[in-house]
Amino acid sequence: MLLTIFTPTYNRANKLENVYNSLKNQISSEYEWLIVDDGSIDNTKKIVEKFINDSLLNVRYIKKDNGGKHTAHNLAVDEAKGKYFMCLDSDDFLKENTINSLLEKLKICKKNEGIISYKENQNQHMLSDYFPNKSTIDCIYDLEMKYNCKGEFVFIFPTSVLKKNKFPIYKDEKFITEAVLYDKLKCSMILYPHVIQVCEYQTNGLSNNLNRIMKKNPSGYCLYFMQRIDIQLKLTAKIVMAAKYVAFYFFSKKNKIKYNGENFSIVIISIPLGLLFWLYYKIIRDF
């Protein structure tokens, strides 16, 4: 099996049909569709059983207790049969005629090498900047840090790399930004300048509820800002990340995440700014 396409879902039965329709016209024996149901209480199971009974695709379905997308991701990586691993959210779908070209591209990847591609919304607007004039990058965060290329991308990773790098799980928190994982992955990535996924934003999704999500998941964001201190190239950016780390350190009452990196002095001098950020989030953003 060359590729595992992983779809995490939670009460999105009405959206899974779009994902299925985008896959069933791109049939190949070289990929599987792994659906991890994060404790849905709608008719997700019934919908997926219909997909399985159609026998058009290699579909696997796993249901777990609700714990957040990052816990579904960890489970999917453990269960994946594909050499490579791609996430296709339940409100996304694949463009036509992308699977075969993507599979051929994966066949020429070197060991521990993945692929980054473009994503667009339902209005055909790209969700990122264009890639730099390079064929590969050394790691994911180079896109932003070295080339100022930002936005949402599609990532296809070697499954073996992901098996060695899991999302942390914090008690009473059900969200961790994907950058927490991506920032620490040490694998080169081929830049594949084609749109392969279409994203349909949901009103109850991350983009529309960021303030509430940050408030409920302070430890995950504390870890994100802490990791970003060391990978920033500019001193001012390091100070901002350090200050936000300090703010969310105070918000993280149950899971204190201590910084042990090479920029400890920057963290110390950022404490006053961090307290201002803490007040901003506490008063202005009602944390």
Protein backbone atom coordinates (compact mmCIF):
# COMPACT_ATOMS: atom_id res chain seq x y z
CA MET A 1 0.00 0.00 0.00
CA LEU A 2 1.52 3.30 -1.09
CA LEU A 3 -0.79 5.89 0.48
CA THR A 4 -3.17 6.21 3.43
CA ILE A 5 -5.72 9.01 3.06
CA PHE A 6 -6.89 9.79 6.58
CA THR A 7 -10.19 11.55 7.27
CA PRO A 8 -10.95 12.54 10.86
CA THR A 9 -14.62 13.24 11.46
CA TYR A 10 -16.91 14.33 14.26
CA ASN A 11 -20.63 14.73 13.55
CA ARG A 12 -19.97 15.52 9.88
CA ALA A 13 -21.99 12.71 8.29
CA ASN A 14 -23.53 15.20 5.87
CA LYS A 15 -20.07 16.14 4.55
CA LEU A 16 -18.51 12.71 4.11
CA GLU A 17 -20.45 12.10 0.89
CA ASN A 18 -18.45 14.89 -0.79
CA VAL A 19 -15.19 13.28 0.26
CA TYR A 20 -16.37 9.89 -0.95
CA ASN A 21 -17.51 11.24 -4.32
CA SER A 22 -14.12 12.86 -4.88
CA LEU A 23 -12.38 9.54 -4.21
CA LYS A 24 -14.62 6.99 -5.92
CA ASN A 25 -13.84 8.39 -9.35
CA GLN A 26 -10.09 8.03 -8.69
CA ILE A 27 -9.93 4.34 -7.91
CA SER A 28 -6.54 2.75 -7.31
CA SER A 29 -5.38 -0.30 -5.41
CA GLU A 30 -2.42 1.70 -4.15
CA TYR A 31 -4.28 3.76 -1.54
CA GLU A 32 -6.67 3.25 1.34
CA TRP A 33 -9.21 5.62 2.86
CA LEU A 34 -8.98 5.48 6.65
CA ILE A 35 -11.86 7.21 8.46
CA VAL A 36 -11.43 7.82 12.19
CA ASP A 37 -14.68 8.78 13.88
CA ASP A 38 -13.92 10.89 16.96
CA GLY A 39 -17.03 9.88 18.90
CA SER A 40 -19.77 11.12 16.55
CA ILE A 41 -23.38 10.89 17.75
CA ASP A 42 -24.95 11.44 14.31
CA ASN A 43 -25.36 8.80 11.58
CA THR A 44 -21.69 8.80 10.54
CA LYS A 45 -21.33 5.04 11.04
CA LYS A 46 -24.34 4.30 8.83
CA ILE A 47 -23.03 6.56 6.05
CA VAL A 48 -19.59 4.94 6.15
CA GLU A 49 -21.10 1.45 6.10
CA LYS A 50 -22.77 2.41 2.83
CA PHE A 51 -19.37 3.41 1.39
CA ILE A 52 -17.89 0.09 2.49
CA ASN A 53 -20.79 -1.90 1.04
CA ASP A 54 -20.40 -0.13 -2.32
CA SER A 55 -17.02 -1.92 -2.56
CA LEU A 56 -15.59 0.78 -4.82
CA LEU A 57 -12.81 1.84 -2.48
CA ASN A 58 -10.58 0.31 0.14
CA VAL A 59 -12.34 1.93 3.11
CA ARG A 60 -11.54 1.32 6.76
CA TYR A 61 -13.54 2.79 9.63
CA ILE A 62 -12.46 3.18 13.25
CA LYS A 63 -14.59 4.74 15.97
CA LYS A 64 -13.07 6.09 19.17
CA ASP A 65 -14.09 8.17 22.16
CA ASN A 66 -14.10 11.90 21.55
CA GLY A 67 -10.69 13.38 22.19
CA GLY A 68 -10.00 15.86 19.40
CA LYS A 69 -8.53 15.67 15.92
CA HIS A 70 -4.96 15.27 17.19
CA THR A 71 -5.89 12.07 19.05
CA ALA A 72 -7.61 10.75 15.91
CA HIS A 73 -4.43 11.57 13.97
CA ASN A 74 -2.27 9.64 16.43
CA LEU A 75 -4.54 6.60 16.13
CA ALA A 76 -4.66 6.82 12.33
CA VAL A 77 -0.87 6.91 12.10
CA ASP A 78 -0.69 3.77 14.24
CA GLU A 79 -3.26 2.01 12.04
CA ALA A 80 -2.09 3.28 8.63
CA LYS A 81 -1.05 0.65 6.08
CA GLY A 82 0.27 3.13 3.52
CA LYS A 83 3.92 4.04 3.13
CA TYR A 84 2.79 7.68 2.97
CA PHE A 85 0.12 9.49 4.94
CA MET A 86 -2.16 12.38 3.95
CA CYS A 87 -4.94 14.07 5.92
CA LEU A 88 -8.15 14.88 4.05
CA ASP A 89 -10.56 16.59 6.43
CA SER A 90 -14.26 15.79 6.36
CA ASP A 91 -15.04 19.24 4.94
CA ASP A 92 -12.40 18.91 2.21
CA PHE A 93 -12.36 16.91 -1.00
CA LEU A 94 -9.84 16.01 -3.69
CA LYS A 95 -9.69 17.68 -7.08
CA GLU A 96 -10.41 15.49 -10.08
CA ASN A 97 -7.57 13.43 -11.54
CA THR A 98 -5.15 14.05 -8.68
CA ILE A 99 -4.69 10.61 -7.13
CA ASN A 100 -2.78 8.96 -9.99
CA SER A 101 -0.41 11.89 -10.51
CA LEU A 102 0.17 12.11 -6.77
CA LEU A 103 0.90 8.39 -6.51
CA GLU A 104 3.41 8.63 -9.35
CA LYS A 105 5.10 11.54 -7.58
CA LEU A 106 5.31 9.56 -4.35
CA LYS A 107 7.07 6.70 -6.15
CA ILE A 108 10.07 8.92 -6.85
CA CYS A 109 10.37 10.34 -3.34
CA LYS A 110 13.60 9.62 -1.54
CA LYS A 111 13.72 8.02 1.89
CA ASN A 112 12.11 10.23 4.57
CA GLU A 113 10.93 12.70 1.93
CA GLY A 114 7.39 14.00 1.63
CA ILE A 115 5.35 16.32 -0.56
CA ILE A 116 3.73 19.73 -0.06
CA SER A 117 1.00 20.89 -2.42
CA TYR A 118 -1.64 23.61 -2.71
CA LYS A 119 -5.16 23.84 -1.34
CA GLU A 120 -8.00 26.10 -2.51
CA ASN A 121 -11.46 27.02 -1.24
CA GLN A 122 -14.77 26.30 -2.93
CA ASN A 123 -14.49 29.61 -4.81
CA GLN A 124 -11.23 28.43 -6.42
CA HIS A 125 -9.10 30.88 -4.41
CA MET A 126 -5.75 29.49 -3.33
CA LEU A 127 -5.28 29.37 0.41
CA SER A 128 -1.57 30.10 0.40
CA ASP A 129 1.24 32.01 -1.22
CA TYR A 130 3.01 30.49 -4.18
CA PHE A 131 6.05 28.31 -3.54
CA PRO A 132 9.56 29.74 -3.85
CA ASN A 133 11.53 28.83 -6.95
CA LYS A 134 12.85 25.60 -5.47
CA SER A 135 12.10 21.92 -5.96
CA THR A 136 12.58 20.86 -2.31
CA ILE A 137 12.96 22.33 1.16
CA ASP A 138 14.77 20.86 4.15
CA CYS A 139 11.79 21.05 6.54
CA ILE A 140 8.27 22.44 6.61
CA TYR A 141 8.91 25.57 8.64
CA ASP A 142 11.49 26.73 6.09
CA LEU A 143 8.57 27.75 3.86
CA GLU A 144 7.53 30.43 6.33
CA MET A 145 10.81 31.25 8.03
CA LYS A 146 13.17 31.35 5.04
CA TYR A 147 10.86 32.09 2.12
CA ASN A 148 7.94 33.95 3.76
CA CYS A 149 5.52 31.53 2.08
CA LYS A 150 2.43 31.26 4.27
CA GLY A 151 -1.05 29.78 4.18
CA GLU A 152 -2.73 26.39 4.18
CA PHE A 153 -1.07 23.53 2.34
CA VAL A 154 -1.56 19.83 1.73
CA PHE A 155 1.11 17.67 3.37
CA ILE A 156 1.96 14.07 2.49
CA PHE A 157 4.44 12.55 4.93
CA PRO A 158 6.31 9.26 5.13
CA THR A 159 4.25 7.26 7.62
CA SER A 160 7.44 6.02 9.28
CA VAL A 161 8.34 9.61 10.21
CA LEU A 162 4.91 10.25 11.73
CA LYS A 163 5.05 7.02 13.75
CA LYS A 164 8.08 8.48 15.54
CA ASN A 165 6.40 11.86 16.10
CA LYS A 166 2.97 12.03 17.73
CA PHE A 167 0.82 14.84 19.01
CA PRO A 168 1.05 15.29 22.79
CA ILE A 169 -2.19 14.84 24.70
CA TYR A 170 -3.12 17.16 27.55
CA LYS A 171 -5.83 16.45 30.08
CA ASP A 172 -9.11 18.29 29.44
CA GLU A 173 -7.87 19.74 26.12
CA LYS A 174 -9.19 18.59 22.75
CA PHE A 175 -7.25 20.72 20.29
CA ILE A 176 -3.61 21.20 19.35
CA THR A 177 -2.61 23.13 16.25
CA GLU A 178 -1.02 20.95 13.59
CA ALA A 179 2.06 23.19 13.57
CA VAL A 180 3.08 21.66 16.92
CA LEU A 181 3.74 18.43 15.03
CA TYR A 182 4.89 19.86 11.71
CA ASP A 183 7.47 22.19 13.29
CA LYS A 184 9.41 19.27 14.74
CA LEU A 185 9.39 16.92 11.75
CA LYS A 186 12.84 16.41 10.28
CA CYS A 187 12.19 15.41 6.69
CA SER A 188 12.75 17.13 3.37
CA MET A 189 9.67 18.01 1.32
CA ILE A 190 9.13 18.15 -2.44
CA LEU A 191 7.26 21.28 -3.51
CA TYR A 192 4.49 20.07 -5.83
CA PRO A 193 2.87 23.25 -7.24
CA HIS A 194 -0.58 21.87 -7.98
CA VAL A 195 -3.93 22.27 -6.23
CA ILE A 196 -5.03 18.84 -5.07
CA GLN A 197 -7.51 19.63 -2.27
CA VAL A 198 -10.55 21.88 -1.98
CA CYS A 199 -11.57 23.15 1.44
CA GLU A 200 -15.08 24.10 2.50
CA TYR A 201 -14.92 26.06 5.74
CA GLN A 202 -17.58 25.25 8.34
CA THR A 203 -19.20 27.83 10.62
CA ASN A 204 -18.32 25.67 13.62
CA GLY A 205 -14.73 25.15 12.49
CA LEU A 206 -11.39 26.47 13.69
CA SER A 207 -11.33 29.58 11.53
CA ASN A 208 -14.55 30.92 13.04
CA ASN A 209 -13.87 30.00 16.67
CA LEU A 210 -10.16 30.63 17.21
CA ASN A 211 -10.58 32.74 20.35
CA ARG A 212 -12.78 30.13 22.04
CA ILE A 213 -10.44 27.31 21.00
CA MET A 214 -7.34 29.07 22.35
CA LYS A 215 -9.16 29.73 25.62
CA LYS A 216 -10.10 26.06 26.06
CA ASN A 217 -6.71 24.65 25.00
CA PRO A 218 -4.02 26.83 26.61
CA SER A 219 -1.42 24.08 27.02
CA GLY A 220 -1.42 23.21 23.33
CA TYR A 221 -0.92 26.85 22.41
CA CYS A 222 1.72 27.26 25.12
CA LEU A 223 3.66 24.41 23.49
CA TYR A 224 3.18 25.92 20.02
CA PHE A 225 4.59 29.31 21.04
CA MET A 226 7.43 27.67 22.99
CA GLN A 227 8.55 25.62 19.96
CA ARG A 228 8.36 28.68 17.74
CA ILE A 229 10.88 30.59 19.89
CA ASP A 230 13.78 28.49 18.63
CA ILE A 231 12.83 28.31 14.95
CA GLN A 232 12.26 32.04 14.43
CA LEU A 233 15.10 33.72 12.54
CA LYS A 234 14.55 37.31 13.71
CA LEU A 235 15.11 38.47 17.29
CA THR A 236 11.87 40.47 17.37
CA ALA A 237 9.90 37.39 16.30
CA LYS A 238 11.61 35.31 19.00
CA ILE A 239 10.63 37.89 21.62
CA VAL A 240 6.98 37.91 20.49
CA MET A 241 6.81 34.11 20.56
CA ALA A 242 8.50 34.06 23.98
CA ALA A 243 6.04 36.63 25.33
CA LYS A 244 3.05 34.64 24.07
CA TYR A 245 4.59 31.51 25.57
CA VAL A 246 4.79 33.30 28.93
CA ALA A 247 1.15 34.41 28.67
CA PHE A 248 -0.12 30.92 27.89
CA TYR A 249 2.15 29.41 30.53
CA PHE A 250 0.07 31.31 33.07
CA PHE A 251 -3.17 30.25 31.40
CA SER A 252 -2.06 26.58 31.50
CA LYS A 253 -3.01 25.79 35.06
CA LYS A 254 -3.04 21.98 34.76
CA ASN A 255 -0.15 21.34 32.35
CA LYS A 256 2.88 23.53 32.95
CA ILE A 257 5.21 23.35 29.93
CA LYS A 258 8.74 24.44 30.82
CA TYR A 259 11.11 25.90 28.27
CA ASN A 260 14.54 24.25 28.10
CA GLY A 261 15.85 25.63 24.82
CA GLU A 262 18.82 27.74 23.82
CA ASN A 263 16.97 31.07 24.06
CA PHE A 264 16.21 31.04 27.78
CA SER A 265 17.53 34.58 28.23
CA ILE A 266 15.04 35.81 25.62
CA VAL A 267 12.22 34.14 27.55
CA ILE A 268 13.33 35.93 30.74
CA ILE A 269 13.47 39.39 29.17
CA SER A 270 10.10 38.72 27.50
CA ILE A 271 8.25 38.20 30.78
CA PRO A 272 7.01 41.83 31.08
CA LEU A 273 5.66 41.72 27.52
CA GLY A 274 4.23 38.30 28.26
CA LEU A 275 2.27 39.72 31.18
CA LEU A 276 0.87 42.39 28.86
CA PHE A 277 -0.21 39.67 26.44
CA TRP A 278 -1.78 37.84 29.37
CA LEU A 279 -3.77 40.95 30.29
CA TYR A 280 -4.77 41.44 26.64
CA TYR A 281 -6.12 37.91 26.33
CA LYS A 282 -7.70 38.08 29.78
CA ILE A 283 -9.47 41.43 29.42
CA ILE A 284 -9.85 42.23 25.72
CA ARG A 285 -10.40 38.67 24.48
CA ASP A 286 -12.22 37.51 27.61
CA PHE A 287 -10.06 34.49 28.52
